[in-house]
Amino acid sequence: MFPESLIQLTDSLKSLYINTSKKLKGSDRRQFMAEVVKGLGRGGQIIAERELGWNRRTIRKGMQELEHGMSIADSFRLRGRKRAEENLPNLLSDIVPIVDPQSQTDPTFNLLQTIYSPLGS
């Protein structure tokens, strides 16, 4: 589709792009990817996907952000894993008896300065 001779990415340039994208997060990362793709010219998304391992959907989102000058909210908190307290409502009350009892030092305190808490049921 796009001749290899038109656009060549050297190994050092690939490494720079990949390492930079890994250091960035969220909108900054997407916009960086979009700018690189724009610099690659026609077929840049395909080249970036193949040579740099970037997701074309992420690149498109970055292109939209560049075009409109606004970041698109990620909304991670609206999906995925819930807080532990939501799945285990008694978690705090179960942890307190383990942590709260009087701790005691090792009888050989002179040798080891370890503190023990009794774990009885």
N, C-alpha and C. Protein backbone atom coordinates (compact mmCIF):
# COMPACT_ATOMS: atom_id res chain seq x y z
N MET A 1 0.82 -1.19 0.00
CA MET A 1 0.00 0.00 0.00
C MET A 1 0.87 1.25 0.00
N PHE A 2 1.82 1.32 0.95
CA PHE A 2 2.73 2.45 1.02
C PHE A 2 4.13 1.91 0.84
N PRO A 3 4.85 2.32 -0.20
CA PRO A 3 6.19 1.80 -0.44
C PRO A 3 7.11 2.06 0.74
N GLU A 4 7.94 1.08 1.04
CA GLU A 4 8.86 1.19 2.18
C GLU A 4 9.85 2.34 1.98
N SER A 5 10.16 2.67 0.72
CA SER A 5 11.17 3.69 0.46
C SER A 5 10.69 5.10 0.79
N LEU A 6 9.37 5.32 0.89
CA LEU A 6 8.87 6.66 1.17
C LEU A 6 9.19 7.11 2.58
N ILE A 7 8.92 6.26 3.54
CA ILE A 7 9.10 6.66 4.94
C ILE A 7 9.93 5.60 5.64
N GLN A 8 11.08 6.00 6.14
CA GLN A 8 11.97 5.09 6.86
C GLN A 8 12.15 5.58 8.28
N LEU A 9 11.92 4.72 9.23
CA LEU A 9 12.19 5.03 10.62
C LEU A 9 13.46 4.28 11.02
N THR A 10 14.46 5.02 11.44
CA THR A 10 15.68 4.37 11.89
C THR A 10 15.42 3.71 13.24
N ASP A 11 16.28 2.78 13.61
CA ASP A 11 16.13 2.10 14.90
C ASP A 11 16.22 3.07 16.07
N SER A 12 17.11 4.07 15.96
CA SER A 12 17.24 5.03 17.06
C SER A 12 16.00 5.91 17.17
N LEU A 13 15.39 6.26 16.03
CA LEU A 13 14.17 7.05 16.05
C LEU A 13 13.00 6.25 16.61
N LYS A 14 12.91 4.98 16.21
CA LYS A 14 11.87 4.10 16.76
C LYS A 14 12.00 4.01 18.27
N SER A 15 13.22 3.79 18.73
CA SER A 15 13.47 3.67 20.17
C SER A 15 13.08 4.95 20.90
N LEU A 16 13.44 6.09 20.33
CA LEU A 16 13.10 7.39 20.93
C LEU A 16 11.59 7.55 21.05
N TYR A 17 10.86 7.28 19.96
CA TYR A 17 9.41 7.42 19.96
C TYR A 17 8.76 6.47 20.97
N ILE A 18 9.19 5.22 20.98
CA ILE A 18 8.59 4.22 21.88
C ILE A 18 8.86 4.58 23.33
N ASN A 19 10.11 4.92 23.66
CA ASN A 19 10.46 5.25 25.05
C ASN A 19 9.75 6.52 25.53
N THR A 20 9.65 7.50 24.64
CA THR A 20 8.95 8.74 25.02
C THR A 20 7.48 8.48 25.27
N SER A 21 6.86 7.68 24.40
CA SER A 21 5.42 7.40 24.59
C SER A 21 5.17 6.62 25.87
N LYS A 22 6.12 5.78 26.28
CA LYS A 22 5.95 5.02 27.52
C LYS A 22 6.05 5.91 28.75
N LYS A 23 6.81 6.99 28.65
CA LYS A 23 6.99 7.90 29.78
C LYS A 23 5.80 8.83 29.97
N LEU A 24 5.05 9.06 28.90
CA LEU A 24 3.89 9.95 28.98
C LEU A 24 2.65 9.17 29.36
N LYS A 25 1.67 9.86 29.88
CA LYS A 25 0.40 9.24 30.28
C LYS A 25 -0.77 10.01 29.71
N GLY A 26 -1.87 9.31 29.52
CA GLY A 26 -3.15 9.92 29.16
C GLY A 26 -3.11 10.74 27.89
N SER A 27 -3.69 11.92 27.98
CA SER A 27 -3.85 12.81 26.84
C SER A 27 -2.50 13.23 26.26
N ASP A 28 -1.52 13.47 27.11
CA ASP A 28 -0.19 13.86 26.63
C ASP A 28 0.40 12.78 25.73
N ARG A 29 0.23 11.53 26.15
CA ARG A 29 0.73 10.40 25.37
C ARG A 29 0.02 10.31 24.02
N ARG A 30 -1.28 10.41 24.04
CA ARG A 30 -2.05 10.32 22.79
C ARG A 30 -1.70 11.45 21.83
N GLN A 31 -1.56 12.66 22.36
CA GLN A 31 -1.24 13.79 21.50
C GLN A 31 0.18 13.67 20.93
N PHE A 32 1.11 13.15 21.72
CA PHE A 32 2.46 12.90 21.21
C PHE A 32 2.41 11.90 20.06
N MET A 33 1.67 10.82 20.25
CA MET A 33 1.54 9.81 19.21
C MET A 33 0.94 10.42 17.94
N ALA A 34 -0.08 11.24 18.10
CA ALA A 34 -0.74 11.87 16.95
C ALA A 34 0.23 12.80 16.21
N GLU A 35 1.04 13.54 16.95
CA GLU A 35 2.01 14.43 16.32
C GLU A 35 3.06 13.65 15.53
N VAL A 36 3.50 12.53 16.09
CA VAL A 36 4.47 11.68 15.38
C VAL A 36 3.84 11.15 14.10
N VAL A 37 2.60 10.69 14.19
CA VAL A 37 1.91 10.14 13.03
C VAL A 37 1.72 11.21 11.96
N LYS A 38 1.38 12.42 12.38
CA LYS A 38 1.23 13.52 11.40
C LYS A 38 2.57 13.78 10.71
N GLY A 39 3.65 13.70 11.47
CA GLY A 39 4.98 13.90 10.90
C GLY A 39 5.38 12.81 9.92
N LEU A 40 4.84 11.62 10.11
CA LEU A 40 5.14 10.51 9.20
C LEU A 40 4.44 10.70 7.85
N GLY A 41 3.39 11.49 7.82
CA GLY A 41 2.69 11.75 6.58
C GLY A 41 1.64 10.71 6.27
N ARG A 42 1.33 10.60 4.97
CA ARG A 42 0.28 9.68 4.53
C ARG A 42 0.64 8.26 4.91
N GLY A 43 -0.32 7.56 5.53
CA GLY A 43 -0.10 6.19 5.98
C GLY A 43 0.61 6.10 7.32
N GLY A 44 0.72 7.22 8.00
CA GLY A 44 1.44 7.27 9.27
C GLY A 44 0.86 6.36 10.34
N GLN A 45 -0.48 6.24 10.39
CA GLN A 45 -1.10 5.38 11.40
C GLN A 45 -0.70 3.93 11.20
N ILE A 46 -0.70 3.50 9.95
CA ILE A 46 -0.34 2.11 9.65
C ILE A 46 1.12 1.85 9.99
N ILE A 47 1.97 2.81 9.64
CA ILE A 47 3.40 2.67 9.92
C ILE A 47 3.64 2.65 11.42
N ALA A 48 2.98 3.55 12.16
CA ALA A 48 3.15 3.61 13.61
C ALA A 48 2.66 2.32 14.26
N GLU A 49 1.57 1.78 13.75
CA GLU A 49 1.05 0.53 14.31
C GLU A 49 2.05 -0.60 14.07
N ARG A 50 2.55 -0.69 12.85
CA ARG A 50 3.44 -1.79 12.48
C ARG A 50 4.83 -1.64 13.09
N GLU A 51 5.41 -0.45 13.00
CA GLU A 51 6.80 -0.25 13.41
C GLU A 51 6.97 0.08 14.89
N LEU A 52 6.00 0.78 15.47
CA LEU A 52 6.13 1.24 16.85
C LEU A 52 5.25 0.47 17.82
N GLY A 53 4.30 -0.33 17.27
CA GLY A 53 3.42 -1.11 18.13
C GLY A 53 2.33 -0.30 18.79
N TRP A 54 2.00 0.85 18.21
CA TRP A 54 0.98 1.71 18.78
C TRP A 54 -0.40 1.31 18.27
N ASN A 55 -1.41 1.48 19.10
CA ASN A 55 -2.78 1.15 18.76
C ASN A 55 -3.38 2.28 17.93
N ARG A 56 -3.97 1.93 16.79
CA ARG A 56 -4.53 2.96 15.90
C ARG A 56 -5.72 3.68 16.53
N ARG A 57 -6.46 3.01 17.37
CA ARG A 57 -7.58 3.66 18.05
C ARG A 57 -7.06 4.76 18.98
N THR A 58 -5.97 4.47 19.67
CA THR A 58 -5.35 5.47 20.55
C THR A 58 -4.84 6.65 19.74
N ILE A 59 -4.24 6.36 18.59
CA ILE A 59 -3.73 7.42 17.72
C ILE A 59 -4.88 8.30 17.24
N ARG A 60 -5.98 7.68 16.84
CA ARG A 60 -7.14 8.46 16.36
C ARG A 60 -7.70 9.36 17.46
N LYS A 61 -7.74 8.84 18.67
CA LYS A 61 -8.22 9.65 19.80
C LYS A 61 -7.30 10.86 20.00
N GLY A 62 -5.99 10.63 19.87
CA GLY A 62 -5.02 11.73 19.98
C GLY A 62 -5.18 12.73 18.86
N MET A 63 -5.49 12.25 17.64
CA MET A 63 -5.72 13.14 16.50
C MET A 63 -6.93 14.04 16.76
N GLN A 64 -7.98 13.46 17.33
CA GLN A 64 -9.17 14.26 17.66
C GLN A 64 -8.83 15.31 18.70
N GLU A 65 -8.02 14.93 19.70
CA GLU A 65 -7.63 15.88 20.73
C GLU A 65 -6.82 17.02 20.14
N LEU A 66 -5.91 16.71 19.23
CA LEU A 66 -5.12 17.76 18.58
C LEU A 66 -6.00 18.67 17.74
N GLU A 67 -6.91 18.06 17.00
CA GLU A 67 -7.77 18.81 16.09
C GLU A 67 -8.67 19.78 16.83
N HIS A 68 -9.24 19.33 17.97
CA HIS A 68 -10.19 20.16 18.71
C HIS A 68 -9.53 20.97 19.82
N GLY A 69 -8.28 20.67 20.14
CA GLY A 69 -7.57 21.41 21.17
C GLY A 69 -8.05 21.12 22.58
N MET A 70 -8.73 19.99 22.76
CA MET A 70 -9.23 19.60 24.09
C MET A 70 -8.90 18.14 24.35
N SER A 71 -8.62 17.83 25.60
CA SER A 71 -8.39 16.42 25.94
C SER A 71 -9.71 15.72 26.15
N ILE A 72 -9.69 14.44 25.84
CA ILE A 72 -10.87 13.60 26.05
C ILE A 72 -10.66 12.88 27.38
N ALA A 73 -11.64 12.99 28.26
CA ALA A 73 -11.52 12.38 29.58
C ALA A 73 -11.45 10.87 29.47
N ASP A 74 -10.56 10.26 30.27
CA ASP A 74 -10.38 8.82 30.23
C ASP A 74 -11.47 8.07 31.00
N SER A 75 -11.94 8.63 32.09
CA SER A 75 -13.01 8.04 32.92
C SER A 75 -12.68 6.64 33.41
N PHE A 76 -11.45 6.43 33.87
CA PHE A 76 -11.07 5.12 34.39
C PHE A 76 -11.90 4.73 35.60
N ARG A 77 -12.25 5.72 36.42
CA ARG A 77 -12.97 5.39 37.64
C ARG A 77 -14.40 4.91 37.37
N LEU A 78 -14.91 5.15 36.17
CA LEU A 78 -16.26 4.73 35.84
C LEU A 78 -16.34 3.28 35.37
N ARG A 79 -15.19 2.66 35.20
CA ARG A 79 -15.18 1.27 34.74
C ARG A 79 -14.13 0.51 35.53
N GLY A 80 -14.13 -0.77 35.37
CA GLY A 80 -13.07 -1.56 35.98
C GLY A 80 -13.33 -1.92 37.42
N ARG A 81 -12.24 -2.00 38.15
CA ARG A 81 -12.24 -2.53 39.50
C ARG A 81 -12.87 -1.58 40.51
N LYS A 82 -13.69 -2.16 41.38
CA LYS A 82 -14.31 -1.36 42.45
C LYS A 82 -13.38 -1.33 43.66
N ARG A 83 -13.66 -0.41 44.56
CA ARG A 83 -12.89 -0.33 45.81
C ARG A 83 -13.10 -1.61 46.60
N ALA A 84 -12.11 -2.02 47.35
CA ALA A 84 -12.18 -3.25 48.14
C ALA A 84 -13.35 -3.20 49.12
N GLU A 85 -13.64 -2.02 49.67
CA GLU A 85 -14.72 -1.88 50.65
C GLU A 85 -16.09 -2.17 50.03
N GLU A 86 -16.23 -1.95 48.73
CA GLU A 86 -17.50 -2.24 48.06
C GLU A 86 -17.72 -3.74 47.92
N ASN A 87 -16.65 -4.47 47.64
CA ASN A 87 -16.76 -5.92 47.50
C ASN A 87 -16.76 -6.64 48.84
N LEU A 88 -16.06 -6.08 49.82
CA LEU A 88 -15.94 -6.68 51.15
C LEU A 88 -16.34 -5.65 52.20
N PRO A 89 -17.65 -5.48 52.45
CA PRO A 89 -18.09 -4.42 53.35
C PRO A 89 -17.58 -4.56 54.78
N ASN A 90 -17.23 -5.76 55.23
CA ASN A 90 -16.75 -5.97 56.60
C ASN A 90 -15.23 -5.94 56.69
N LEU A 91 -14.55 -5.54 55.66
CA LEU A 91 -13.09 -5.61 55.62
C LEU A 91 -12.45 -4.86 56.77
N LEU A 92 -12.83 -3.62 56.99
CA LEU A 92 -12.21 -2.82 58.05
C LEU A 92 -12.46 -3.43 59.42
N SER A 93 -13.69 -3.84 59.67
CA SER A 93 -13.99 -4.43 60.98
C SER A 93 -13.29 -5.78 61.17
N ASP A 94 -12.96 -6.47 60.09
CA ASP A 94 -12.22 -7.73 60.20
C ASP A 94 -10.73 -7.50 60.41
N ILE A 95 -10.20 -6.40 59.89
CA ILE A 95 -8.77 -6.12 60.02
C ILE A 95 -8.44 -5.58 61.41
N VAL A 96 -9.32 -4.78 61.99
CA VAL A 96 -9.04 -4.14 63.29
C VAL A 96 -8.67 -5.15 64.37
N PRO A 97 -9.38 -6.27 64.55
CA PRO A 97 -8.98 -7.21 65.60
C PRO A 97 -7.60 -7.83 65.37
N ILE A 98 -7.16 -7.89 64.15
CA ILE A 98 -5.84 -8.45 63.88
C ILE A 98 -4.75 -7.45 64.23
N VAL A 99 -4.96 -6.20 63.93
CA VAL A 99 -3.94 -5.18 64.11
C VAL A 99 -3.98 -4.55 65.49
N ASP A 100 -5.15 -4.46 66.10
CA ASP A 100 -5.35 -3.70 67.32
C ASP A 100 -4.83 -4.34 68.62
N PRO A 101 -4.80 -5.66 68.77
CA PRO A 101 -4.41 -6.21 70.08
C PRO A 101 -3.03 -5.73 70.54
N GLN A 102 -2.83 -5.88 71.81
CA GLN A 102 -1.54 -5.49 72.38
C GLN A 102 -0.45 -6.33 71.74
N SER A 103 0.56 -5.66 71.27
CA SER A 103 1.69 -6.36 70.68
C SER A 103 2.72 -6.64 71.76
N GLN A 104 3.48 -7.67 71.56
CA GLN A 104 4.51 -8.00 72.53
C GLN A 104 5.82 -8.20 71.79
N THR A 105 6.90 -7.95 72.48
CA THR A 105 8.21 -8.12 71.85
C THR A 105 8.66 -9.56 72.01
N ASP A 106 9.61 -9.92 71.23
CA ASP A 106 10.20 -11.25 71.30
C ASP A 106 10.89 -11.38 72.66
N PRO A 107 10.72 -12.54 73.33
CA PRO A 107 11.38 -12.72 74.63
C PRO A 107 12.89 -12.52 74.55
N THR A 108 13.46 -12.80 73.42
CA THR A 108 14.91 -12.58 73.25
C THR A 108 15.13 -11.20 72.66
N PHE A 109 14.53 -10.19 73.30
CA PHE A 109 14.54 -8.83 72.78
C PHE A 109 15.95 -8.30 72.54
N ASN A 110 16.89 -8.77 73.33
CA ASN A 110 18.27 -8.30 73.16
C ASN A 110 18.83 -8.74 71.81
N LEU A 111 18.36 -9.90 71.31
CA LEU A 111 18.88 -10.41 70.04
C LEU A 111 18.07 -9.90 68.85
N LEU A 112 16.76 -9.98 68.96
CA LEU A 112 15.88 -9.55 67.88
C LEU A 112 14.91 -8.51 68.40
N GLN A 113 14.62 -7.51 67.63
CA GLN A 113 13.68 -6.48 68.05
C GLN A 113 12.39 -6.60 67.26
N THR A 114 11.88 -7.83 67.17
CA THR A 114 10.66 -8.10 66.44
C THR A 114 9.45 -7.96 67.36
N ILE A 115 8.37 -7.40 66.84
CA ILE A 115 7.13 -7.26 67.63
C ILE A 115 6.11 -8.25 67.07
N TYR A 116 5.46 -8.97 67.97
CA TYR A 116 4.48 -9.96 67.57
C TYR A 116 3.08 -9.53 68.01
N SER A 117 2.08 -9.83 67.18
CA SER A 117 0.69 -9.61 67.54
C SER A 117 0.01 -10.96 67.52
N PRO A 118 -0.72 -11.31 68.59
CA PRO A 118 -1.39 -12.60 68.62
C PRO A 118 -2.51 -12.65 67.59
N LEU A 119 -2.62 -13.74 66.86
CA LEU A 119 -3.65 -13.92 65.85
C LEU A 119 -4.53 -15.08 66.28
N GLY A 120 -5.41 -14.86 67.22
CA GLY A 120 -6.30 -15.91 67.68
C GLY A 120 -7.69 -15.74 67.10
N SER A 121 -8.45 -16.81 67.09
CA SER A 121 -9.82 -16.68 66.58
C SER A 121 -10.82 -16.89 67.69
